[in-house]
Amino acid sequence: MDAVQRVGSYLQVQDEEGCRHLLRVTAVQALSDTDPLRNETFITAAGRTIRVPQSLDAIVGLIAPGERLMAEGEPPDTVWPF
């Protein structure tokens, strides 16, 4: 089982200790890599930070389906007008 799964408008998150958390997708405030290996992620929601053994890239797809992170060195699709 993946550490993070989308369940309707919620994310079911299982932390490293096996505790499960159900977070509303809109409550997620931040996602951060935990280390240079990029195989774990900190999820911050409602002022609480949860460490999960799943990559940030995999979690972004659950929060915003159809969206993806830019690869390093990849030019942006659009340029900001300001």
PDB file of N, CA and C in Angstrom:
ATOM      1  N   MET A   1       0.837  -1.186   0.000  1.00  0.00           N
ATOM      2  CA  MET A   1       0.000   0.000   0.000  1.00  0.00           C
ATOM      3  C   MET A   1       0.881   1.248   0.000  1.00  0.00           C
ATOM      4  N   ASP A   2       0.479   2.237  -0.789  1.00  0.00           N
ATOM      5  CA  ASP A   2       1.182   3.512  -0.769  1.00  0.00           C
ATOM      6  C   ASP A   2       0.888   4.227   0.541  1.00  0.00           C
ATOM      7  N   ALA A   3       1.826   5.058   0.975  1.00  0.00           N
ATOM      8  CA  ALA A   3       1.669   5.790   2.225  1.00  0.00           C
ATOM      9  C   ALA A   3       0.579   6.847   2.125  1.00  0.00           C
ATOM     10  N   VAL A   4       0.331   7.353   0.905  1.00  0.00           N
ATOM     11  CA  VAL A   4      -0.686   8.381   0.698  1.00  0.00           C
ATOM     12  C   VAL A   4      -1.602   7.932  -0.428  1.00  0.00           C
ATOM     13  N   GLN A   5      -2.911   7.980  -0.167  1.00  0.00           N
ATOM     14  CA  GLN A   5      -3.909   7.622  -1.176  1.00  0.00           C
ATOM     15  C   GLN A   5      -4.997   8.675  -1.196  1.00  0.00           C
ATOM     16  N   ARG A   6      -5.564   8.915  -2.359  1.00  0.00           N
ATOM     17  CA  ARG A   6      -6.677   9.868  -2.485  1.00  0.00           C
ATOM     18  C   ARG A   6      -7.972   9.112  -2.255  1.00  0.00           C
ATOM     19  N   VAL A   7      -8.817   9.642  -1.364  1.00  0.00           N
ATOM     20  CA  VAL A   7     -10.134   9.069  -1.069  1.00  0.00           C
ATOM     21  C   VAL A   7     -11.141  10.201  -1.191  1.00  0.00           C
ATOM     22  N   GLY A   8     -11.718  10.383  -2.375  1.00  0.00           N
ATOM     23  CA  GLY A   8     -12.633  11.495  -2.605  1.00  0.00           C
ATOM     24  C   GLY A   8     -11.906  12.811  -2.465  1.00  0.00           C
ATOM     25  N   SER A   9     -12.388  13.670  -1.575  1.00  0.00           N
ATOM     26  CA  SER A   9     -11.742  14.974  -1.365  1.00  0.00           C
ATOM     27  C   SER A   9     -10.763  14.935  -0.181  1.00  0.00           C
ATOM     28  N   TYR A  10     -10.357  13.735   0.201  1.00  0.00           N
ATOM     29  CA  TYR A  10      -9.428  13.554   1.318  1.00  0.00           C
ATOM     30  C   TYR A  10      -8.172  12.816   0.879  1.00  0.00           C
ATOM     31  N   LEU A  11      -7.113  12.976   1.645  1.00  0.00           N
ATOM     32  CA  LEU A  11      -5.907  12.166   1.507  1.00  0.00           C
ATOM     33  C   LEU A  11      -5.820  11.259   2.717  1.00  0.00           C
ATOM     34  N   GLN A  12      -5.693   9.965   2.490  1.00  0.00           N
ATOM     35  CA  GLN A  12      -5.438   9.039   3.579  1.00  0.00           C
ATOM     36  C   GLN A  12      -3.928   8.886   3.658  1.00  0.00           C
ATOM     37  N   VAL A  13      -3.354   9.281   4.781  1.00  0.00           N
ATOM     38  CA  VAL A  13      -1.907   9.314   4.961  1.00  0.00           C
ATOM     39  C   VAL A  13      -1.529   8.348   6.069  1.00  0.00           C
ATOM     40  N   GLN A  14      -0.548   7.491   5.794  1.00  0.00           N
ATOM     41  CA  GLN A  14      -0.029   6.606   6.828  1.00  0.00           C
ATOM     42  C   GLN A  14       1.413   7.008   7.096  1.00  0.00           C
ATOM     43  N   ASP A  15       1.695   7.425   8.325  1.00  0.00           N
ATOM     44  CA  ASP A  15       3.043   7.886   8.652  1.00  0.00           C
ATOM     45  C   ASP A  15       3.986   6.703   8.886  1.00  0.00           C
ATOM     46  N   GLU A  16       5.236   7.018   9.196  1.00  0.00           N
ATOM     47  CA  GLU A  16       6.258   5.979   9.380  1.00  0.00           C
ATOM     48  C   GLU A  16       5.967   5.041  10.538  1.00  0.00           C
ATOM     49  N   GLU A  17       5.183   5.493  11.507  1.00  0.00           N
ATOM     50  CA  GLU A  17       4.868   4.669  12.674  1.00  0.00           C
ATOM     51  C   GLU A  17       3.616   3.828  12.460  1.00  0.00           C
ATOM     52  N   GLY A  18       2.983   3.971  11.294  1.00  0.00           N
ATOM     53  CA  GLY A  18       1.800   3.190  10.980  1.00  0.00           C
ATOM     54  C   GLY A  18       0.487   3.870  11.337  1.00  0.00           C
ATOM     55  N   CYS A  19       0.540   5.062  11.928  1.00  0.00           N
ATOM     56  CA  CYS A  19      -0.678   5.796  12.271  1.00  0.00           C
ATOM     57  C   CYS A  19      -1.290   6.372  11.001  1.00  0.00           C
ATOM     58  N   ARG A  20      -2.619   6.275  10.902  1.00  0.00           N
ATOM     59  CA  ARG A  20      -3.311   6.801   9.729  1.00  0.00           C
ATOM     60  C   ARG A  20      -3.920   8.150  10.033  1.00  0.00           C
ATOM     61  N   HIS A  21      -3.906   9.023   9.031  1.00  0.00           N
ATOM     62  CA  HIS A  21      -4.466  10.365   9.137  1.00  0.00           C
ATOM     63  C   HIS A  21      -5.335  10.586   7.907  1.00  0.00           C
ATOM     64  N   LEU A  22      -6.469  11.230   8.079  1.00  0.00           N
ATOM     65  CA  LEU A  22      -7.335  11.581   6.962  1.00  0.00           C
ATOM     66  C   LEU A  22      -7.350  13.102   6.872  1.00  0.00           C
ATOM     67  N   LEU A  23      -6.799  13.638   5.790  1.00  0.00           N
ATOM     68  CA  LEU A  23      -6.664  15.083   5.616  1.00  0.00           C
ATOM     69  C   LEU A  23      -7.502  15.549   4.446  1.00  0.00           C
ATOM     70  N   ARG A  24      -8.209  16.643   4.616  1.00  0.00           N
ATOM     71  CA  ARG A  24      -8.899  17.241   3.473  1.00  0.00           C
ATOM     72  C   ARG A  24      -7.824  17.794   2.541  1.00  0.00           C
ATOM     73  N   VAL A  25      -7.958  17.521   1.249  1.00  0.00           N
ATOM     74  CA  VAL A  25      -6.948  17.942   0.275  1.00  0.00           C
ATOM     75  C   VAL A  25      -6.689  19.437   0.373  1.00  0.00           C
ATOM     76  N   THR A  26      -7.718  20.222   0.563  1.00  0.00           N
ATOM     77  CA  THR A  26      -7.556  21.682   0.629  1.00  0.00           C
ATOM     78  C   THR A  26      -6.862  22.139   1.912  1.00  0.00           C
ATOM     79  N   ALA A  27      -6.683  21.252   2.884  1.00  0.00           N
ATOM     80  CA  ALA A  27      -6.010  21.611   4.130  1.00  0.00           C
ATOM     81  C   ALA A  27      -4.494  21.483   4.028  1.00  0.00           C
ATOM     82  N   VAL A  28      -4.010  20.849   2.958  1.00  0.00           N
ATOM     83  CA  VAL A  28      -2.566  20.677   2.801  1.00  0.00           C
ATOM     84  C   VAL A  28      -1.935  22.038   2.530  1.00  0.00           C
ATOM     85  N   GLN A  29      -1.005  22.426   3.397  1.00  0.00           N
ATOM     86  CA  GLN A  29      -0.357  23.728   3.298  1.00  0.00           C
ATOM     87  C   GLN A  29       0.986  23.653   2.589  1.00  0.00           C
ATOM     88  N   ALA A  30       1.682  22.528   2.736  1.00  0.00           N
ATOM     89  CA  ALA A  30       3.018  22.419   2.147  1.00  0.00           C
ATOM     90  C   ALA A  30       3.430  20.967   1.999  1.00  0.00           C
ATOM     91  N   LEU A  31       4.259  20.720   0.982  1.00  0.00           N
ATOM     92  CA  LEU A  31       4.923  19.435   0.787  1.00  0.00           C
ATOM     93  C   LEU A  31       6.415  19.733   0.689  1.00  0.00           C
ATOM     94  N   SER A  32       7.234  18.919   1.351  1.00  0.00           N
ATOM     95  CA  SER A  32       8.679  19.139   1.324  1.00  0.00           C
ATOM     96  C   SER A  32       9.401  17.800   1.269  1.00  0.00           C
ATOM     97  N   ASP A  33      10.483  17.737   0.458  1.00  0.00           N
ATOM     98  CA  ASP A  33      11.353  16.563   0.496  1.00  0.00           C
ATOM     99  C   ASP A  33      12.001  16.498   1.871  1.00  0.00           C
ATOM    100  N   THR A  34      12.215  15.286   2.368  1.00  0.00           N
ATOM    101  CA  THR A  34      12.867  15.151   3.672  1.00  0.00           C
ATOM    102  C   THR A  34      14.379  15.096   3.546  1.00  0.00           C
ATOM    103  N   ASP A  35      14.886  14.677   2.378  1.00  0.00           N
ATOM    104  CA  ASP A  35      16.327  14.550   2.189  1.00  0.00           C
ATOM    105  C   ASP A  35      16.659  14.559   0.701  1.00  0.00           C
ATOM    106  N   PRO A  36      17.945  14.576   0.342  1.00  0.00           N
ATOM    107  CA  PRO A  36      18.338  14.613  -1.071  1.00  0.00           C
ATOM    108  C   PRO A  36      17.925  13.376  -1.879  1.00  0.00           C
ATOM    109  N   LEU A  37      17.623  12.267  -1.231  1.00  0.00           N
ATOM    110  CA  LEU A  37      17.201  11.066  -1.954  1.00  0.00           C
ATOM    111  C   LEU A  37      15.796  11.200  -2.541  1.00  0.00           C
ATOM    112  N   ARG A  38      15.018  12.120  -1.996  1.00  0.00           N
ATOM    113  CA  ARG A  38      13.658  12.411  -2.473  1.00  0.00           C
ATOM    114  C   ARG A  38      12.724  11.198  -2.433  1.00  0.00           C
ATOM    115  N   ASN A  39      12.889  10.359  -1.436  1.00  0.00           N
ATOM    116  CA  ASN A  39      12.016   9.204  -1.323  1.00  0.00           C
ATOM    117  C   ASN A  39      11.033   9.304  -0.149  1.00  0.00           C
ATOM    118  N   GLU A  40      11.111  10.390   0.589  1.00  0.00           N
ATOM    119  CA  GLU A  40      10.180  10.652   1.682  1.00  0.00           C
ATOM    120  C   GLU A  40       9.743  12.106   1.612  1.00  0.00           C
ATOM    121  N   THR A  41       8.583  12.381   2.186  1.00  0.00           N
ATOM    122  CA  THR A  41       8.015  13.725   2.106  1.00  0.00           C
ATOM    123  C   THR A  41       7.433  14.139   3.445  1.00  0.00           C
ATOM    124  N   PHE A  42       7.596  15.425   3.771  1.00  0.00           N
ATOM    125  CA  PHE A  42       6.869  16.033   4.880  1.00  0.00           C
ATOM    126  C   PHE A  42       5.594  16.632   4.311  1.00  0.00           C
ATOM    127  N   ILE A  43       4.451  16.300   4.901  1.00  0.00           N
ATOM    128  CA  ILE A  43       3.173  16.914   4.538  1.00  0.00           C
ATOM    129  C   ILE A  43       2.750  17.783   5.708  1.00  0.00           C
ATOM    130  N   THR A  44       2.533  19.061   5.455  1.00  0.00           N
ATOM    131  CA  THR A  44       2.059  19.969   6.496  1.00  0.00           C
ATOM    132  C   THR A  44       0.601  20.304   6.211  1.00  0.00           C
ATOM    133  N   ALA A  45      -0.243  20.036   7.189  1.00  0.00           N
ATOM    134  CA  ALA A  45      -1.673  20.322   7.076  1.00  0.00           C
ATOM    135  C   ALA A  45      -2.196  20.719   8.445  1.00  0.00           C
ATOM    136  N   ALA A  46      -2.972  21.779   8.477  1.00  0.00           N
ATOM    137  CA  ALA A  46      -3.571  22.257   9.717  1.00  0.00           C
ATOM    138  C   ALA A  46      -2.524  22.461  10.814  1.00  0.00           C
ATOM    139  N   GLY A  47      -1.345  22.933  10.435  1.00  0.00           N
ATOM    140  CA  GLY A  47      -0.305  23.225  11.404  1.00  0.00           C
ATOM    141  C   GLY A  47       0.453  22.022  11.922  1.00  0.00           C
ATOM    142  N   ARG A  48       0.183  20.850  11.375  1.00  0.00           N
ATOM    143  CA  ARG A  48       0.850  19.632  11.819  1.00  0.00           C
ATOM    144  C   ARG A  48       1.670  19.066  10.665  1.00  0.00           C
ATOM    145  N   THR A  49       2.863  18.579  10.934  1.00  0.00           N
ATOM    146  CA  THR A  49       3.725  18.020   9.900  1.00  0.00           C
ATOM    147  C   THR A  49       3.821  16.511  10.077  1.00  0.00           C
ATOM    148  N   ILE A  50       3.593  15.790   8.980  1.00  0.00           N
ATOM    149  CA  ILE A  50       3.607  14.330   8.986  1.00  0.00           C
ATOM    150  C   ILE A  50       4.678  13.867   8.000  1.00  0.00           C
ATOM    151  N   ARG A  51       5.515  12.947   8.425  1.00  0.00           N
ATOM    152  CA  ARG A  51       6.559  12.386   7.552  1.00  0.00           C
ATOM    153  C   ARG A  51       6.041  11.077   6.958  1.00  0.00           C
ATOM    154  N   VAL A  52       6.071  10.988   5.631  1.00  0.00           N
ATOM    155  CA  VAL A  52       5.571   9.784   4.961  1.00  0.00           C
ATOM    156  C   VAL A  52       6.640   9.215   4.025  1.00  0.00           C
ATOM    157  N   PRO A  53       6.719   7.883   3.927  1.00  0.00           N
ATOM    158  CA  PRO A  53       7.718   7.241   3.064  1.00  0.00           C
ATOM    159  C   PRO A  53       7.234   7.126   1.612  1.00  0.00           C
ATOM    160  N   GLN A  54       6.954   8.272   0.992  1.00  0.00           N
ATOM    161  CA  GLN A  54       6.523   8.315  -0.405  1.00  0.00           C
ATOM    162  C   GLN A  54       7.055   9.607  -1.010  1.00  0.00           C
ATOM    163  N   SER A  55       7.411   9.562  -2.288  1.00  0.00           N
ATOM    164  CA  SER A  55       8.038  10.726  -2.913  1.00  0.00           C
ATOM    165  C   SER A  55       7.053  11.881  -3.078  1.00  0.00           C
ATOM    166  N   LEU A  56       7.597  13.077  -3.053  1.00  0.00           N
ATOM    167  CA  LEU A  56       6.809  14.285  -3.252  1.00  0.00           C
ATOM    168  C   LEU A  56       6.135  14.258  -4.624  1.00  0.00           C
ATOM    169  N   ASP A  57       6.840  13.780  -5.651  1.00  0.00           N
ATOM    170  CA  ASP A  57       6.281  13.712  -7.002  1.00  0.00           C
ATOM    171  C   ASP A  57       5.011  12.866  -7.051  1.00  0.00           C
ATOM    172  N   ALA A  58       4.994  11.750  -6.337  1.00  0.00           N
ATOM    173  CA  ALA A  58       3.820  10.883  -6.320  1.00  0.00           C
ATOM    174  C   ALA A  58       2.652  11.545  -5.597  1.00  0.00           C
ATOM    175  N   ILE A  59       2.940  12.312  -4.561  1.00  0.00           N
ATOM    176  CA  ILE A  59       1.883  12.945  -3.769  1.00  0.00           C
ATOM    177  C   ILE A  59       1.263  14.128  -4.507  1.00  0.00           C
ATOM    178  N   VAL A  60       2.058  14.882  -5.265  1.00  0.00           N
ATOM    179  CA  VAL A  60       1.528  16.023  -6.028  1.00  0.00           C
ATOM    180  C   VAL A  60       0.421  15.559  -6.966  1.00  0.00           C
ATOM    181  N   GLY A  61       0.613  14.415  -7.602  1.00  0.00           N
ATOM    182  CA  GLY A  61      -0.400  13.871  -8.501  1.00  0.00           C
ATOM    183  C   GLY A  61      -1.704  13.532  -7.802  1.00  0.00           C
ATOM    184  N   LEU A  62      -1.658  13.254  -6.510  1.00  0.00           N
ATOM    185  CA  LEU A  62      -2.881  12.957  -5.750  1.00  0.00           C
ATOM    186  C   LEU A  62      -3.598  14.228  -5.325  1.00  0.00           C
ATOM    187  N   ILE A  63      -2.835  15.260  -5.015  1.00  0.00           N
ATOM    188  CA  ILE A  63      -3.422  16.523  -4.563  1.00  0.00           C
ATOM    189  C   ILE A  63      -3.999  17.302  -5.740  1.00  0.00           C
ATOM    190  N   ALA A  64      -3.257  17.352  -6.832  1.00  0.00           N
ATOM    191  CA  ALA A  64      -3.672  18.104  -8.023  1.00  0.00           C
ATOM    192  C   ALA A  64      -3.567  17.192  -9.244  1.00  0.00           C
ATOM    193  N   PRO A  65      -4.576  16.349  -9.480  1.00  0.00           N
ATOM    194  CA  PRO A  65      -4.517  15.413 -10.613  1.00  0.00           C
ATOM    195  C   PRO A  65      -4.275  16.152 -11.928  1.00  0.00           C
ATOM    196  N   GLY A  66      -3.389  15.595 -12.747  1.00  0.00           N
ATOM    197  CA  GLY A  66      -3.069  16.206 -14.028  1.00  0.00           C
ATOM    198  C   GLY A  66      -1.911  17.180 -13.954  1.00  0.00           C
ATOM    199  N   GLU A  67      -1.530  17.589 -12.758  1.00  0.00           N
ATOM    200  CA  GLU A  67      -0.406  18.505 -12.584  1.00  0.00           C
ATOM    201  C   GLU A  67       0.858  17.694 -12.319  1.00  0.00           C
ATOM    202  N   ARG A  68       2.003  18.301 -12.566  1.00  0.00           N
ATOM    203  CA  ARG A  68       3.268  17.644 -12.272  1.00  0.00           C
ATOM    204  C   ARG A  68       4.301  18.703 -11.922  1.00  0.00           C
ATOM    205  N   LEU A  69       5.358  18.272 -11.280  1.00  0.00           N
ATOM    206  CA  LEU A  69       6.462  19.171 -10.968  1.00  0.00           C
ATOM    207  C   LEU A  69       7.386  19.248 -12.172  1.00  0.00           C
ATOM    208  N   MET A  70       8.007  20.400 -12.382  1.00  0.00           N
ATOM    209  CA  MET A  70       8.983  20.533 -13.459  1.00  0.00           C
ATOM    210  C   MET A  70      10.254  19.789 -13.083  1.00  0.00           C
ATOM    211  N   ALA A  71      10.858  19.141 -14.061  1.00  0.00           N
ATOM    212  CA  ALA A  71      12.138  18.480 -13.848  1.00  0.00           C
ATOM    213  C   ALA A  71      13.218  19.551 -13.729  1.00  0.00           C
ATOM    214  N   GLU A  72      14.305  19.214 -13.063  1.00  0.00           N
ATOM    215  CA  GLU A  72      15.397  20.166 -12.914  1.00  0.00           C
ATOM    216  C   GLU A  72      15.927  20.560 -14.289  1.00  0.00           C
ATOM    217  N   GLY A  73      16.097  21.852 -14.511  1.00  0.00           N
ATOM    218  CA  GLY A  73      16.611  22.345 -15.772  1.00  0.00           C
ATOM    219  C   GLY A  73      15.576  22.481 -16.866  1.00  0.00           C
ATOM    220  N   GLU A  74      14.344  22.061 -16.596  1.00  0.00           N
ATOM    221  CA  GLU A  74      13.274  22.160 -17.592  1.00  0.00           C
ATOM    222  C   GLU A  74      12.733  23.585 -17.614  1.00  0.00           C
ATOM    223  N   PRO A  75      12.604  24.196 -18.791  1.00  0.00           N
ATOM    224  CA  PRO A  75      12.067  25.560 -18.841  1.00  0.00           C
ATOM    225  C   PRO A  75      10.572  25.560 -18.521  1.00  0.00           C
ATOM    226  N   PRO A  76      10.074  26.602 -17.902  1.00  0.00           N
ATOM    227  CA  PRO A  76       8.637  26.671 -17.595  1.00  0.00           C
ATOM    228  C   PRO A  76       7.820  26.776 -18.883  1.00  0.00           C
ATOM    229  N   ASP A  77       6.573  26.254 -18.829  1.00  0.00           N
ATOM    230  CA  ASP A  77       5.682  26.298 -19.996  1.00  0.00           C
ATOM    231  C   ASP A  77       5.277  27.710 -20.331  1.00  0.00           C
ATOM    232  N   THR A  78       5.037  28.516 -19.321  1.00  0.00           N
ATOM    233  CA  THR A  78       4.614  29.892 -19.543  1.00  0.00           C
ATOM    234  C   THR A  78       5.505  30.825 -18.744  1.00  0.00           C
ATOM    235  N   VAL A  79       5.634  32.021 -19.224  1.00  0.00           N
ATOM    236  CA  VAL A  79       6.441  33.024 -18.536  1.00  0.00           C
ATOM    237  C   VAL A  79       5.495  34.003 -17.848  1.00  0.00           C
ATOM    238  N   TRP A  80       5.788  34.290 -16.600  1.00  0.00           N
ATOM    239  CA  TRP A  80       4.968  35.258 -15.871  1.00  0.00           C
ATOM    240  C   TRP A  80       5.115  36.634 -16.524  1.00  0.00           C
ATOM    241  N   PRO A  81       4.026  37.378 -16.677  1.00  0.00           N
ATOM    242  CA  PRO A  81       4.102  38.663 -17.348  1.00  0.00           C
ATOM    243  C   PRO A  81       4.731  39.766 -16.504  1.00  0.00           C
ATOM    244  N   PHE A  82       5.060  39.503 -15.272  1.00  0.00           N
ATOM    245  CA  PHE A  82       5.654  40.527 -14.416  1.00  0.00           C
ATOM    246  C   PHE A  82       6.827  39.980 -13.665  1.00  0.00           C
TER     247      PHE A  82
END
